[in-house]
PDB file of N, CA and C in Angstrom:
ATOM      1  N   MET A   1     -57.889 -60.815  52.800  1.00  0.00           N
ATOM      2  CA  MET A   1     -58.903 -61.832  52.607  1.00  0.00           C
ATOM      3  C   MET A   1     -59.919 -61.698  53.723  1.00  0.00           C
ATOM      4  N   ALA A   2     -61.169 -61.895  53.357  1.00  0.00           N
ATOM      5  CA  ALA A   2     -62.252 -61.840  54.334  1.00  0.00           C
ATOM      6  C   ALA A   2     -63.153 -63.046  54.122  1.00  0.00           C
ATOM      7  N   ILE A   3     -63.780 -63.482  55.168  1.00  0.00           N
ATOM      8  CA  ILE A   3     -64.722 -64.592  55.085  1.00  0.00           C
ATOM      9  C   ILE A   3     -66.122 -64.046  55.326  1.00  0.00           C
ATOM     10  N   ALA A   4     -67.036 -64.417  54.446  1.00  0.00           N
ATOM     11  CA  ALA A   4     -68.427 -63.983  54.570  1.00  0.00           C
ATOM     12  C   ALA A   4     -69.309 -65.221  54.705  1.00  0.00           C
ATOM     13  N   THR A   5     -70.470 -65.041  55.307  1.00  0.00           N
ATOM     14  CA  THR A   5     -71.425 -66.131  55.480  1.00  0.00           C
ATOM     15  C   THR A   5     -72.639 -65.858  54.612  1.00  0.00           C
ATOM     16  N   ILE A   6     -73.138 -66.900  53.976  1.00  0.00           N
ATOM     17  CA  ILE A   6     -74.338 -66.778  53.152  1.00  0.00           C
ATOM     18  C   ILE A   6     -75.556 -67.000  54.048  1.00  0.00           C
ATOM     19  N   SER A   7     -76.510 -66.085  53.980  1.00  0.00           N
ATOM     20  CA  SER A   7     -77.714 -66.206  54.796  1.00  0.00           C
ATOM     21  C   SER A   7     -78.661 -67.235  54.205  1.00  0.00           C
ATOM     22  N   ALA A   8     -79.723 -67.543  54.923  1.00  0.00           N
ATOM     23  CA  ALA A   8     -80.729 -68.497  54.456  1.00  0.00           C
ATOM     24  C   ALA A   8     -81.376 -68.023  53.156  1.00  0.00           C
ATOM     25  N   LYS A   9     -81.388 -66.713  52.919  1.00  0.00           N
ATOM     26  CA  LYS A   9     -81.971 -66.162  51.690  1.00  0.00           C
ATOM     27  C   LYS A   9     -80.927 -65.986  50.591  1.00  0.00           C
ATOM     28  N   GLY A  10     -79.692 -66.467  50.818  1.00  0.00           N
ATOM     29  CA  GLY A  10     -78.650 -66.387  49.800  1.00  0.00           C
ATOM     30  C   GLY A  10     -77.915 -65.070  49.761  1.00  0.00           C
ATOM     31  N   ARG A  11     -78.038 -64.268  50.798  1.00  0.00           N
ATOM     32  CA  ARG A  11     -77.379 -62.960  50.822  1.00  0.00           C
ATOM     33  C   ARG A  11     -75.990 -63.066  51.434  1.00  0.00           C
ATOM     34  N   VAL A  12     -75.092 -62.234  50.927  1.00  0.00           N
ATOM     35  CA  VAL A  12     -73.724 -62.169  51.434  1.00  0.00           C
ATOM     36  C   VAL A  12     -73.443 -60.718  51.785  1.00  0.00           C
ATOM     37  N   VAL A  13     -72.865 -60.471  52.950  1.00  0.00           N
ATOM     38  CA  VAL A  13     -72.485 -59.119  53.338  1.00  0.00           C
ATOM     39  C   VAL A  13     -71.030 -58.915  52.931  1.00  0.00           C
ATOM     40  N   ILE A  14     -70.788 -57.871  52.146  1.00  0.00           N
ATOM     41  CA  ILE A  14     -69.432 -57.527  51.734  1.00  0.00           C
ATOM     42  C   ILE A  14     -68.858 -56.613  52.812  1.00  0.00           C
ATOM     43  N   PRO A  15     -67.717 -56.964  53.388  1.00  0.00           N
ATOM     44  CA  PRO A  15     -67.133 -56.151  54.452  1.00  0.00           C
ATOM     45  C   PRO A  15     -66.933 -54.693  54.033  1.00  0.00           C
ATOM     46  N   ALA A  16     -67.051 -53.793  55.012  1.00  0.00           N
ATOM     47  CA  ALA A  16     -66.980 -52.347  54.759  1.00  0.00           C
ATOM     48  C   ALA A  16     -65.697 -51.941  54.047  1.00  0.00           C
ATOM     49  N   GLU A  17     -64.562 -52.553  54.400  1.00  0.00           N
ATOM     50  CA  GLU A  17     -63.301 -52.158  53.762  1.00  0.00           C
ATOM     51  C   GLU A  17     -63.338 -52.397  52.257  1.00  0.00           C
ATOM     52  N   TYR A  18     -63.987 -53.471  51.814  1.00  0.00           N
ATOM     53  CA  TYR A  18     -64.094 -53.758  50.380  1.00  0.00           C
ATOM     54  C   TYR A  18     -65.152 -52.884  49.714  1.00  0.00           C
ATOM     55  N   ARG A  19     -66.235 -52.593  50.429  1.00  0.00           N
ATOM     56  CA  ARG A  19     -67.253 -51.691  49.866  1.00  0.00           C
ATOM     57  C   ARG A  19     -66.652 -50.322  49.607  1.00  0.00           C
ATOM     58  N   LYS A  20     -65.827 -49.845  50.535  1.00  0.00           N
ATOM     59  CA  LYS A  20     -65.171 -48.543  50.355  1.00  0.00           C
ATOM     60  C   LYS A  20     -64.139 -48.609  49.230  1.00  0.00           C
ATOM     61  N   LYS A  21     -63.315 -49.653  49.238  1.00  0.00           N
ATOM     62  CA  LYS A  21     -62.241 -49.787  48.248  1.00  0.00           C
ATOM     63  C   LYS A  21     -62.779 -49.833  46.830  1.00  0.00           C
ATOM     64  N   TYR A  22     -63.898 -50.527  46.621  1.00  0.00           N
ATOM     65  CA  TYR A  22     -64.456 -50.702  45.279  1.00  0.00           C
ATOM     66  C   TYR A  22     -65.683 -49.834  45.027  1.00  0.00           C
ATOM     67  N   ASP A  23     -65.917 -48.869  45.905  1.00  0.00           N
ATOM     68  CA  ASP A  23     -67.032 -47.926  45.764  1.00  0.00           C
ATOM     69  C   ASP A  23     -68.366 -48.643  45.561  1.00  0.00           C
ATOM     70  N   LEU A  24     -68.613 -49.634  46.401  1.00  0.00           N
ATOM     71  CA  LEU A  24     -69.887 -50.356  46.354  1.00  0.00           C
ATOM     72  C   LEU A  24     -70.828 -49.733  47.371  1.00  0.00           C
ATOM     73  N   HIS A  25     -71.974 -49.320  46.909  1.00  0.00           N
ATOM     74  CA  HIS A  25     -72.962 -48.650  47.745  1.00  0.00           C
ATOM     75  C   HIS A  25     -74.295 -49.352  47.566  1.00  0.00           C
ATOM     76  N   PRO A  26     -75.264 -49.077  48.433  1.00  0.00           N
ATOM     77  CA  PRO A  26     -76.574 -49.725  48.260  1.00  0.00           C
ATOM     78  C   PRO A  26     -77.112 -49.492  46.851  1.00  0.00           C
ATOM     79  N   GLY A  27     -77.504 -50.562  46.201  1.00  0.00           N
ATOM     80  CA  GLY A  27     -78.023 -50.486  44.841  1.00  0.00           C
ATOM     81  C   GLY A  27     -76.960 -50.712  43.774  1.00  0.00           C
ATOM     82  N   ALA A  28     -75.672 -50.748  44.171  1.00  0.00           N
ATOM     83  CA  ALA A  28     -74.600 -50.998  43.204  1.00  0.00           C
ATOM     84  C   ALA A  28     -74.753 -52.409  42.651  1.00  0.00           C
ATOM     85  N   ARG A  29     -74.425 -52.566  41.391  1.00  0.00           N
ATOM     86  CA  ARG A  29     -74.551 -53.876  40.751  1.00  0.00           C
ATOM     87  C   ARG A  29     -73.183 -54.548  40.693  1.00  0.00           C
ATOM     88  N   VAL A  30     -73.178 -55.856  40.905  1.00  0.00           N
ATOM     89  CA  VAL A  30     -71.960 -56.645  40.800  1.00  0.00           C
ATOM     90  C   VAL A  30     -72.232 -57.825  39.886  1.00  0.00           C
ATOM     91  N   VAL A  31     -71.161 -58.381  39.344  1.00  0.00           N
ATOM     92  CA  VAL A  31     -71.255 -59.549  38.472  1.00  0.00           C
ATOM     93  C   VAL A  31     -70.597 -60.717  39.204  1.00  0.00           C
ATOM     94  N   LEU A  32     -71.259 -61.861  39.220  1.00  0.00           N
ATOM     95  CA  LEU A  32     -70.677 -63.070  39.787  1.00  0.00           C
ATOM     96  C   LEU A  32     -70.054 -63.852  38.644  1.00  0.00           C
ATOM     97  N   VAL A  33     -68.754 -64.126  38.750  1.00  0.00           N
ATOM     98  CA  VAL A  33     -68.026 -64.803  37.689  1.00  0.00           C
ATOM     99  C   VAL A  33     -67.529 -66.144  38.223  1.00  0.00           C
ATOM    100  N   ASP A  34     -67.870 -67.232  37.504  1.00  0.00           N
ATOM    101  CA  ASP A  34     -67.433 -68.573  37.872  1.00  0.00           C
ATOM    102  C   ASP A  34     -66.217 -68.927  37.027  1.00  0.00           C
ATOM    103  N   TYR A  35     -65.065 -68.986  37.668  1.00  0.00           N
ATOM    104  CA  TYR A  35     -63.827 -69.323  36.969  1.00  0.00           C
ATOM    105  C   TYR A  35     -63.512 -70.812  37.103  1.00  0.00           C
ATOM    106  N   GLY A  36     -64.531 -71.639  37.171  1.00  0.00           N
ATOM    107  CA  GLY A  36     -64.320 -73.074  37.279  1.00  0.00           C
ATOM    108  C   GLY A  36     -63.719 -73.452  38.617  1.00  0.00           C
ATOM    109  N   GLY A  37     -64.453 -73.253  39.661  1.00  0.00           N
ATOM    110  CA  GLY A  37     -63.976 -73.581  41.002  1.00  0.00           C
ATOM    111  C   GLY A  37     -63.680 -72.357  41.842  1.00  0.00           C
ATOM    112  N   VAL A  38     -63.624 -71.197  41.217  1.00  0.00           N
ATOM    113  CA  VAL A  38     -63.397 -69.948  41.940  1.00  0.00           C
ATOM    114  C   VAL A  38     -64.542 -69.006  41.577  1.00  0.00           C
ATOM    115  N   LEU A  39     -65.266 -68.538  42.579  1.00  0.00           N
ATOM    116  CA  LEU A  39     -66.368 -67.605  42.360  1.00  0.00           C
ATOM    117  C   LEU A  39     -65.887 -66.210  42.737  1.00  0.00           C
ATOM    118  N   SER A  40     -65.985 -65.275  41.803  1.00  0.00           N
ATOM    119  CA  SER A  40     -65.541 -63.901  42.035  1.00  0.00           C
ATOM    120  C   SER A  40     -66.717 -62.950  41.975  1.00  0.00           C
ATOM    121  N   ILE A  41     -66.665 -61.931  42.800  1.00  0.00           N
ATOM    122  CA  ILE A  41     -67.645 -60.846  42.767  1.00  0.00           C
ATOM    123  C   ILE A  41     -66.925 -59.645  42.178  1.00  0.00           C
ATOM    124  N   VAL A  42     -67.403 -59.178  41.028  1.00  0.00           N
ATOM    125  CA  VAL A  42     -66.753 -58.102  40.299  1.00  0.00           C
ATOM    126  C   VAL A  42     -67.728 -56.941  40.141  1.00  0.00           C
ATOM    127  N   PRO A  43     -67.310 -55.710  40.462  1.00  0.00           N
ATOM    128  CA  PRO A  43     -68.207 -54.571  40.240  1.00  0.00           C
ATOM    129  C   PRO A  43     -68.622 -54.502  38.776  1.00  0.00           C
ATOM    130  N   ALA A  44     -69.911 -54.315  38.526  1.00  0.00           N
ATOM    131  CA  ALA A  44     -70.422 -54.217  37.159  1.00  0.00           C
ATOM    132  C   ALA A  44     -70.066 -52.854  36.582  1.00  0.00           C
ATOM    133  N   LEU A  45     -69.749 -52.828  35.293  1.00  0.00           N
ATOM    134  CA  LEU A  45     -69.471 -51.568  34.617  1.00  0.00           C
ATOM    135  C   LEU A  45     -70.783 -50.832  34.396  1.00  0.00           C
ATOM    136  N   SER A  46     -70.797 -49.539  34.643  1.00  0.00           N
ATOM    137  CA  SER A  46     -72.025 -48.773  34.456  1.00  0.00           C
ATOM    138  C   SER A  46     -72.353 -48.616  32.976  1.00  0.00           C
ATOM    139  N   ASP A  47     -71.322 -48.482  32.140  1.00  0.00           N
ATOM    140  CA  ASP A  47     -71.499 -48.367  30.692  1.00  0.00           C
ATOM    141  C   ASP A  47     -70.402 -49.186  30.028  1.00  0.00           C
ATOM    142  N   PRO A  48     -70.601 -50.502  29.864  1.00  0.00           N
ATOM    143  CA  PRO A  48     -69.537 -51.375  29.375  1.00  0.00           C
ATOM    144  C   PRO A  48     -68.950 -50.972  28.023  1.00  0.00           C
ATOM    145  N   ILE A  49     -69.776 -50.437  27.139  1.00  0.00           N
ATOM    146  CA  ILE A  49     -69.273 -50.048  25.819  1.00  0.00           C
ATOM    147  C   ILE A  49     -68.301 -48.882  25.951  1.00  0.00           C
ATOM    148  N   ARG A  50     -68.709 -47.854  26.658  1.00  0.00           N
ATOM    149  CA  ARG A  50     -67.862 -46.668  26.813  1.00  0.00           C
ATOM    150  C   ARG A  50     -66.617 -46.990  27.644  1.00  0.00           C
ATOM    151  N   GLU A  51     -66.769 -47.752  28.717  1.00  0.00           N
ATOM    152  CA  GLU A  51     -65.638 -48.048  29.577  1.00  0.00           C
ATOM    153  C   GLU A  51     -64.657 -49.015  28.932  1.00  0.00           C
ATOM    154  N   GLY A  52     -65.123 -49.816  27.990  1.00  0.00           N
ATOM    155  CA  GLY A  52     -64.236 -50.738  27.290  1.00  0.00           C
ATOM    156  C   GLY A  52     -63.608 -50.137  26.050  1.00  0.00           C
ATOM    157  N   ALA A  53     -64.100 -48.984  25.627  1.00  0.00           N
ATOM    158  CA  ALA A  53     -63.583 -48.339  24.412  1.00  0.00           C
ATOM    159  C   ALA A  53     -62.114 -47.991  24.592  1.00  0.00           C
ATOM    160  N   GLY A  54     -61.337 -48.353  23.595  1.00  0.00           N
ATOM    161  CA  GLY A  54     -59.925 -48.021  23.625  1.00  0.00           C
ATOM    162  C   GLY A  54     -59.065 -49.031  24.354  1.00  0.00           C
ATOM    163  N   SER A  55     -59.675 -50.047  24.920  1.00  0.00           N
ATOM    164  CA  SER A  55     -58.880 -51.004  25.684  1.00  0.00           C
ATOM    165  C   SER A  55     -57.985 -51.854  24.797  1.00  0.00           C
ATOM    166  N   SER A  56     -58.279 -51.894  23.511  1.00  0.00           N
ATOM    167  CA  SER A  56     -57.437 -52.690  22.617  1.00  0.00           C
ATOM    168  C   SER A  56     -56.838 -51.826  21.503  1.00  0.00           C
ATOM    169  N   LYS A  57     -56.640 -50.553  21.782  1.00  0.00           N
ATOM    170  CA  LYS A  57     -56.052 -49.657  20.778  1.00  0.00           C
ATOM    171  C   LYS A  57     -54.619 -50.049  20.480  1.00  0.00           C
ATOM    172  N   GLY A  58     -54.211 -49.740  19.273  1.00  0.00           N
ATOM    173  CA  GLY A  58     -52.829 -49.956  18.897  1.00  0.00           C
ATOM    174  C   GLY A  58     -52.600 -51.237  18.124  1.00  0.00           C
ATOM    175  N   GLY A  59     -53.552 -52.129  18.152  1.00  0.00           N
ATOM    176  CA  GLY A  59     -53.388 -53.386  17.434  1.00  0.00           C
ATOM    177  C   GLY A  59     -54.068 -53.330  16.084  1.00  0.00           C
ATOM    178  N   THR A  60     -54.032 -54.451  15.393  1.00  0.00           N
ATOM    179  CA  THR A  60     -54.693 -54.557  14.103  1.00  0.00           C
ATOM    180  C   THR A  60     -56.197 -54.552  14.301  1.00  0.00           C
ATOM    181  N   SER A  61     -56.914 -53.859  13.423  1.00  0.00           N
ATOM    182  CA  SER A  61     -58.366 -53.839  13.484  1.00  0.00           C
ATOM    183  C   SER A  61     -58.899 -55.212  13.114  1.00  0.00           C
ATOM    184  N   LEU A  62     -59.648 -55.820  14.013  1.00  0.00           N
ATOM    185  CA  LEU A  62     -60.204 -57.140  13.737  1.00  0.00           C
ATOM    186  C   LEU A  62     -61.227 -57.089  12.605  1.00  0.00           C
ATOM    187  N   VAL A  63     -61.974 -55.993  12.532  1.00  0.00           N
ATOM    188  CA  VAL A  63     -62.963 -55.839  11.462  1.00  0.00           C
ATOM    189  C   VAL A  63     -62.238 -55.754  10.119  1.00  0.00           C
ATOM    190  N   LYS A  64     -61.181 -54.959  10.068  1.00  0.00           N
ATOM    191  CA  LYS A  64     -60.411 -54.818   8.823  1.00  0.00           C
ATOM    192  C   LYS A  64     -59.809 -56.158   8.416  1.00  0.00           C
ATOM    193  N   ALA A  65     -59.249 -56.878   9.380  1.00  0.00           N
ATOM    194  CA  ALA A  65     -58.652 -58.186   9.089  1.00  0.00           C
ATOM    195  C   ALA A  65     -59.707 -59.163   8.579  1.00  0.00           C
ATOM    196  N   LEU A  66     -60.900 -59.145   9.166  1.00  0.00           N
ATOM    197  CA  LEU A  66     -61.976 -60.035   8.729  1.00  0.00           C
ATOM    198  C   LEU A  66     -62.418 -59.698   7.313  1.00  0.00           C
ATOM    199  N   LEU A  67     -62.590 -58.415   7.007  1.00  0.00           N
ATOM    200  CA  LEU A  67     -62.997 -57.996   5.670  1.00  0.00           C
ATOM    201  C   LEU A  67     -61.943 -58.383   4.627  1.00  0.00           C
ATOM    202  N   GLU A  68     -60.675 -58.219   4.973  1.00  0.00           N
ATOM    203  CA  GLU A  68     -59.593 -58.608   4.049  1.00  0.00           C
ATOM    204  C   GLU A  68     -59.603 -60.117   3.829  1.00  0.00           C
ATOM    205  N   GLU A  69     -59.798 -60.887   4.865  1.00  0.00           N
ATOM    206  CA  GLU A  69     -59.843 -62.348   4.747  1.00  0.00           C
ATOM    207  C   GLU A  69     -61.010 -62.789   3.870  1.00  0.00           C
ATOM    208  N   ARG A  70     -62.168 -62.168   4.064  1.00  0.00           N
ATOM    209  CA  ARG A  70     -63.334 -62.515   3.239  1.00  0.00           C
ATOM    210  C   ARG A  70     -63.104 -62.130   1.783  1.00  0.00           C
ATOM    211  N   ALA A  71     -62.433 -61.009   1.541  1.00  0.00           N
ATOM    212  CA  ALA A  71     -62.131 -60.585   0.166  1.00  0.00           C
ATOM    213  C   ALA A  71     -61.185 -61.604  -0.485  1.00  0.00           C
ATOM    214  N   ARG A  72     -60.193 -62.082   0.271  1.00  0.00           N
ATOM    215  CA  ARG A  72     -59.273 -63.100  -0.271  1.00  0.00           C
ATOM    216  C   ARG A  72     -60.023 -64.395  -0.561  1.00  0.00           C
ATOM    217  N   ALA A  73     -60.949 -64.760   0.299  1.00  0.00           N
ATOM    218  CA  ALA A  73     -61.717 -66.008   0.112  1.00  0.00           C
ATOM    219  C   ALA A  73     -62.601 -65.924  -1.147  1.00  0.00           C
ATOM    220  N   ARG A  74     -63.158 -64.730  -1.421  1.00  0.00           N
ATOM    221  CA  ARG A  74     -64.003 -64.560  -2.597  1.00  0.00           C
ATOM    222  C   ARG A  74     -63.181 -64.593  -3.879  1.00  0.00           C
ATOM    223  N   ALA A  75     -61.930 -64.172  -3.805  1.00  0.00           N
ATOM    224  CA  ALA A  75     -61.072 -64.081  -5.010  1.00  0.00           C
ATOM    225  C   ALA A  75     -60.553 -65.429  -5.467  1.00  0.00           C
TER     226      ALA A  75
END
């Protein structure tokens, strides 16, 4: 755990150990996520579609399930 201070301009310095660990470099983008009382800084995905592809493999296709449900509703 590290403690950071917010500057008058709203800037926060991320400690070097975390910049190295998460490969954060000048110009790197991060996402601020509000978990309802907890603020997280998360490295942004460079290509969210490609990096998320396959993350839910092996399960039922949601598109197929939706099409089947709509077909049942029409019948």
